[in-house]
Amino acid sequence: TSIEQDSLLITGSNDLIMNRENFDKNLSLLSKYRHIEIEGANHSGFGFYGHQNGDGTNLIGTVNQQNKVIELILDFIN
């Protein structure tokens, strides 16, 4: 079955933790979605817990990444 409502998917270009193969494979479960990849963002920058082993470098800074996520979510729900 697929999810019928709009979904917002936010990823980071330097996220080396997320399983991109599974991400891409499961896109077919969504009938409507908007995927936005934040250039220079990594997995750890979606939280404030510090760098996670194996992750890519955050080139935009955690605060900038968090602000971009907030901006994208507000734009999506408005």
N, C-alpha and C. Protein backbone atom coordinates (compact mmCIF):
# COMPACT_ATOMS: atom_id res chain seq x y z
N THR A 1 0.85 -1.19 0.00
CA THR A 1 0.00 0.00 0.00
C THR A 1 0.87 1.23 0.00
N SER A 2 0.32 2.33 -0.47
CA SER A 2 1.08 3.58 -0.49
C SER A 2 0.40 4.61 0.38
N ILE A 3 1.16 5.59 0.80
CA ILE A 3 0.64 6.69 1.60
C ILE A 3 0.11 7.74 0.63
N GLU A 4 -1.14 8.15 0.80
CA GLU A 4 -1.82 9.02 -0.16
C GLU A 4 -1.60 10.50 0.09
N GLN A 5 -1.13 10.90 1.25
CA GLN A 5 -0.96 12.32 1.52
C GLN A 5 0.43 12.78 1.14
N ASP A 6 0.56 14.10 0.96
CA ASP A 6 1.85 14.68 0.66
C ASP A 6 2.83 14.40 1.79
N SER A 7 4.06 14.11 1.45
CA SER A 7 5.12 13.89 2.43
C SER A 7 6.31 14.77 2.07
N LEU A 8 6.98 15.27 3.09
CA LEU A 8 8.20 16.04 2.90
C LEU A 8 9.37 15.19 3.36
N LEU A 9 10.33 14.99 2.47
CA LEU A 9 11.52 14.21 2.77
C LEU A 9 12.72 15.15 2.71
N ILE A 10 13.42 15.28 3.83
CA ILE A 10 14.58 16.16 3.89
C ILE A 10 15.81 15.31 4.19
N THR A 11 16.81 15.39 3.34
CA THR A 11 18.05 14.66 3.54
C THR A 11 19.22 15.62 3.40
N GLY A 12 20.39 15.13 3.73
CA GLY A 12 21.61 15.92 3.60
C GLY A 12 22.56 15.28 2.59
N SER A 13 23.20 16.11 1.79
CA SER A 13 24.09 15.58 0.76
C SER A 13 25.30 14.86 1.33
N ASN A 14 25.68 15.17 2.57
CA ASN A 14 26.84 14.55 3.19
C ASN A 14 26.45 13.52 4.26
N ASP A 15 25.21 13.08 4.22
CA ASP A 15 24.72 12.07 5.16
C ASP A 15 25.24 10.71 4.73
N LEU A 16 26.17 10.18 5.51
CA LEU A 16 26.73 8.86 5.21
C LEU A 16 26.18 7.77 6.13
N ILE A 17 25.21 8.12 6.97
CA ILE A 17 24.59 7.16 7.89
C ILE A 17 23.32 6.57 7.27
N MET A 18 22.52 7.42 6.65
CA MET A 18 21.27 6.97 6.05
C MET A 18 21.56 5.94 4.95
N ASN A 19 20.75 4.91 4.91
CA ASN A 19 20.87 3.89 3.88
C ASN A 19 20.14 4.40 2.63
N ARG A 20 20.89 4.96 1.69
CA ARG A 20 20.29 5.57 0.50
C ARG A 20 19.61 4.54 -0.39
N GLU A 21 20.13 3.32 -0.42
CA GLU A 21 19.50 2.28 -1.23
C GLU A 21 18.09 2.00 -0.72
N ASN A 22 17.93 1.85 0.60
CA ASN A 22 16.61 1.63 1.18
C ASN A 22 15.71 2.84 1.01
N PHE A 23 16.28 4.03 1.16
CA PHE A 23 15.52 5.26 0.97
C PHE A 23 14.92 5.28 -0.44
N ASP A 24 15.76 5.08 -1.44
CA ASP A 24 15.30 5.11 -2.83
C ASP A 24 14.28 4.00 -3.11
N LYS A 25 14.54 2.83 -2.56
CA LYS A 25 13.65 1.68 -2.78
C LYS A 25 12.25 1.94 -2.21
N ASN A 26 12.18 2.61 -1.08
CA ASN A 26 10.91 2.82 -0.40
C ASN A 26 10.15 4.06 -0.87
N LEU A 27 10.72 4.84 -1.77
CA LEU A 27 9.99 5.98 -2.32
C LEU A 27 8.72 5.54 -3.03
N SER A 28 8.71 4.33 -3.54
CA SER A 28 7.52 3.83 -4.24
C SER A 28 6.33 3.67 -3.31
N LEU A 29 6.54 3.70 -1.98
CA LEU A 29 5.45 3.59 -1.02
C LEU A 29 4.70 4.91 -0.86
N LEU A 30 5.28 5.98 -1.38
CA LEU A 30 4.67 7.30 -1.28
C LEU A 30 4.09 7.70 -2.63
N SER A 31 2.83 8.07 -2.63
CA SER A 31 2.23 8.48 -3.90
C SER A 31 2.56 9.93 -4.22
N LYS A 32 2.68 10.76 -3.20
CA LYS A 32 3.00 12.18 -3.38
C LYS A 32 4.04 12.59 -2.36
N TYR A 33 5.16 13.10 -2.83
CA TYR A 33 6.19 13.55 -1.90
C TYR A 33 7.03 14.63 -2.54
N ARG A 34 7.67 15.39 -1.66
CA ARG A 34 8.65 16.39 -2.08
C ARG A 34 9.95 16.03 -1.36
N HIS A 35 11.00 15.76 -2.11
CA HIS A 35 12.31 15.43 -1.54
C HIS A 35 13.24 16.62 -1.75
N ILE A 36 13.78 17.10 -0.65
CA ILE A 36 14.74 18.20 -0.70
C ILE A 36 16.01 17.74 -0.01
N GLU A 37 17.12 17.84 -0.73
CA GLU A 37 18.42 17.49 -0.16
C GLU A 37 19.16 18.79 0.15
N ILE A 38 19.56 18.93 1.40
CA ILE A 38 20.29 20.13 1.82
C ILE A 38 21.77 19.92 1.52
N GLU A 39 22.29 20.75 0.65
CA GLU A 39 23.69 20.66 0.24
C GLU A 39 24.60 20.95 1.43
N GLY A 40 25.55 20.05 1.67
CA GLY A 40 26.53 20.22 2.74
C GLY A 40 26.08 19.71 4.10
N ALA A 41 24.83 19.28 4.21
CA ALA A 41 24.30 18.79 5.49
C ALA A 41 24.64 17.32 5.69
N ASN A 42 24.80 16.94 6.95
CA ASN A 42 25.07 15.53 7.25
C ASN A 42 23.98 14.98 8.17
N HIS A 43 24.09 13.71 8.51
CA HIS A 43 23.10 13.03 9.35
C HIS A 43 23.07 13.63 10.76
N SER A 44 24.24 13.83 11.33
CA SER A 44 24.34 14.33 12.71
C SER A 44 23.73 15.71 12.87
N GLY A 45 23.73 16.50 11.82
CA GLY A 45 23.21 17.86 11.89
C GLY A 45 21.71 17.95 12.00
N PHE A 46 21.01 16.82 11.85
CA PHE A 46 19.56 16.84 12.05
C PHE A 46 19.22 16.78 13.53
N GLY A 47 20.21 16.57 14.38
CA GLY A 47 20.05 16.60 15.82
C GLY A 47 21.17 17.41 16.43
N PHE A 48 21.19 17.52 17.73
CA PHE A 48 22.23 18.28 18.42
C PHE A 48 23.04 17.38 19.35
N TYR A 49 23.35 16.18 18.87
CA TYR A 49 24.07 15.21 19.71
C TYR A 49 25.54 15.08 19.34
N GLY A 50 26.03 15.91 18.44
CA GLY A 50 27.43 15.84 18.03
C GLY A 50 27.62 14.91 16.85
N HIS A 51 28.85 14.83 16.41
CA HIS A 51 29.18 14.03 15.23
C HIS A 51 29.01 12.54 15.51
N GLN A 52 28.40 11.84 14.57
CA GLN A 52 28.20 10.39 14.67
C GLN A 52 29.28 9.70 13.84
N ASN A 53 29.91 8.68 14.42
CA ASN A 53 30.95 7.94 13.71
C ASN A 53 30.43 7.45 12.36
N GLY A 54 31.24 7.64 11.32
CA GLY A 54 30.89 7.19 9.99
C GLY A 54 30.14 8.20 9.16
N ASP A 55 29.75 9.31 9.77
CA ASP A 55 29.00 10.34 9.06
C ASP A 55 29.94 11.22 8.26
N GLY A 56 29.40 11.89 7.26
CA GLY A 56 30.17 12.85 6.47
C GLY A 56 30.34 14.16 7.23
N THR A 57 31.11 15.04 6.67
CA THR A 57 31.37 16.34 7.28
C THR A 57 30.19 17.28 7.05
N ASN A 58 29.81 18.00 8.09
CA ASN A 58 28.77 19.01 7.96
C ASN A 58 29.43 20.31 7.51
N LEU A 59 29.19 20.70 6.28
CA LEU A 59 29.84 21.87 5.69
C LEU A 59 29.08 23.16 5.95
N ILE A 60 27.86 23.07 6.50
CA ILE A 60 27.05 24.28 6.70
C ILE A 60 26.82 24.59 8.17
N GLY A 61 27.24 23.73 9.07
CA GLY A 61 27.06 23.95 10.50
C GLY A 61 25.69 23.46 10.97
N THR A 62 25.65 22.96 12.18
CA THR A 62 24.43 22.38 12.73
C THR A 62 23.31 23.42 12.84
N VAL A 63 23.62 24.61 13.34
CA VAL A 63 22.59 25.64 13.51
C VAL A 63 22.02 26.03 12.15
N ASN A 64 22.86 26.23 11.16
CA ASN A 64 22.37 26.56 9.82
C ASN A 64 21.52 25.43 9.25
N GLN A 65 21.93 24.20 9.49
CA GLN A 65 21.17 23.06 9.00
C GLN A 65 19.81 23.01 9.68
N GLN A 66 19.78 23.18 10.99
CA GLN A 66 18.51 23.17 11.72
C GLN A 66 17.59 24.29 11.24
N ASN A 67 18.14 25.48 11.01
CA ASN A 67 17.33 26.59 10.51
C ASN A 67 16.76 26.30 9.13
N LYS A 68 17.54 25.66 8.29
CA LYS A 68 17.08 25.29 6.95
C LYS A 68 15.94 24.27 7.03
N VAL A 69 16.06 23.31 7.93
CA VAL A 69 15.01 22.31 8.12
C VAL A 69 13.72 23.00 8.57
N ILE A 70 13.82 23.91 9.52
CA ILE A 70 12.65 24.65 10.00
C ILE A 70 12.00 25.42 8.85
N GLU A 71 12.82 26.11 8.07
CA GLU A 71 12.32 26.87 6.93
C GLU A 71 11.60 25.96 5.93
N LEU A 72 12.18 24.81 5.64
CA LEU A 72 11.56 23.88 4.69
C LEU A 72 10.23 23.33 5.21
N ILE A 73 10.18 23.01 6.51
CA ILE A 73 8.94 22.48 7.08
C ILE A 73 7.85 23.55 7.08
N LEU A 74 8.19 24.77 7.49
CA LEU A 74 7.20 25.85 7.50
C LEU A 74 6.68 26.13 6.09
N ASP A 75 7.57 26.12 5.12
CA ASP A 75 7.15 26.33 3.74
C ASP A 75 6.21 25.20 3.28
N PHE A 76 6.50 23.99 3.68
CA PHE A 76 5.71 22.83 3.28
C PHE A 76 4.30 22.88 3.87
N ILE A 77 4.19 23.24 5.15
CA ILE A 77 2.86 23.22 5.80
C ILE A 77 2.04 24.47 5.48
N ASN A 78 2.69 25.50 4.99
CA ASN A 78 1.95 26.70 4.62
C ASN A 78 1.57 26.58 3.19
